[in-house]
Amino acid sequence: MIKIYSTPTCIYCKYAKEFFKKNNIEYTDLNVAEDEKAREEMISKSQQMGVPVIDIDGKLVVGFDQRKIEELLNLK
């Protein structure tokens, strides 16, 4: 299961979501600008305030690190 903690104005969040769509990867988008519970969950998991924070089966990627995401998803 993939969750992306994001905000509507974050360009790197947009890149991450485009990457998932391009690769036909399902994900849950959590808007931490509006969803306080999701924001608290993101901060608790990652100790980060910045977005995106991407949770891939419990492994976190902070920011849009395409290489790391591909590695975690066994895409390469």
Protein backbone atom coordinates (compact mmCIF):
# COMPACT_ATOMS: atom_id res chain seq x y z
CA MET A 1 0.00 0.00 0.00
CA ILE A 2 1.27 3.44 -0.93
CA LYS A 3 0.33 6.70 0.78
CA ILE A 4 1.55 10.10 -0.28
CA TYR A 5 1.27 12.91 2.22
CA SER A 6 1.07 16.06 0.12
CA THR A 7 -0.23 19.58 -0.31
CA PRO A 8 -1.97 21.01 -3.40
CA THR A 9 0.79 23.61 -4.00
CA CYS A 10 3.82 21.29 -3.69
CA ILE A 11 5.55 20.78 -7.06
CA TYR A 12 7.43 17.67 -5.85
CA CYS A 13 4.15 16.16 -4.68
CA LYS A 14 2.81 16.74 -8.19
CA TYR A 15 5.90 15.04 -9.70
CA ALA A 16 5.46 12.04 -7.38
CA LYS A 17 1.77 11.65 -8.26
CA GLU A 18 2.55 11.96 -11.99
CA PHE A 19 5.23 9.27 -11.61
CA PHE A 20 2.75 6.90 -9.93
CA LYS A 21 0.08 7.57 -12.57
CA LYS A 22 2.57 7.08 -15.44
CA ASN A 23 3.59 3.72 -13.97
CA ASN A 24 -0.02 2.65 -13.20
CA ILE A 25 0.71 2.49 -9.46
CA GLU A 26 -2.23 2.92 -7.12
CA TYR A 27 -1.76 5.25 -4.18
CA THR A 28 -3.73 7.11 -1.55
CA ASP A 29 -3.25 10.88 -1.57
CA LEU A 30 -3.54 12.55 1.83
CA ASN A 31 -3.76 16.35 1.73
CA VAL A 32 -1.97 17.44 4.90
CA ALA A 33 -2.91 21.08 4.28
CA GLU A 34 -6.55 20.22 5.05
CA ASP A 35 -6.46 16.88 6.90
CA GLU A 36 -5.12 17.46 10.42
CA LYS A 37 -5.17 13.75 11.28
CA ALA A 38 -3.10 12.91 8.17
CA ARG A 39 -0.67 15.74 8.99
CA GLU A 40 -0.17 14.44 12.54
CA GLU A 41 0.28 10.88 11.19
CA MET A 42 2.90 12.10 8.68
CA ILE A 43 4.86 14.03 11.32
CA SER A 44 4.68 11.11 13.75
CA LYS A 45 5.97 8.64 11.14
CA SER A 46 8.64 10.78 9.51
CA GLN A 47 9.54 13.48 12.02
CA GLN A 48 9.22 15.82 9.00
CA MET A 49 7.09 18.86 8.29
CA GLY A 50 7.96 18.98 4.59
CA VAL A 51 6.10 17.19 1.82
CA PRO A 52 5.90 14.90 0.06
CA VAL A 53 6.34 12.05 2.47
CA ILE A 54 5.70 8.77 0.66
CA ASP A 55 4.93 5.61 2.63
CA ILE A 56 5.54 2.45 0.61
CA ASP A 57 4.53 -0.56 2.71
CA GLY A 58 5.88 1.10 5.85
CA LYS A 59 9.12 2.36 4.27
CA LEU A 60 9.31 6.14 4.07
CA VAL A 61 10.68 8.33 1.31
CA VAL A 62 10.92 12.01 2.17
CA GLY A 63 10.73 14.18 -0.93
CA PHE A 64 10.44 12.91 -4.48
CA ASP A 65 13.41 10.53 -4.71
CA GLN A 66 12.53 8.65 -7.89
CA ARG A 67 15.47 6.26 -7.64
CA LYS A 68 14.55 5.22 -4.11
CA ILE A 69 10.87 4.86 -5.03
CA GLU A 70 11.76 2.66 -8.02
CA GLU A 71 13.99 0.56 -5.77
CA LEU A 72 11.26 0.07 -3.15
CA LEU A 73 8.74 -0.85 -5.86
CA ASN A 74 11.19 -3.13 -7.71
CA LEU A 75 10.73 -1.15 -10.92
CA LYS A 76 14.36 -1.43 -12.02
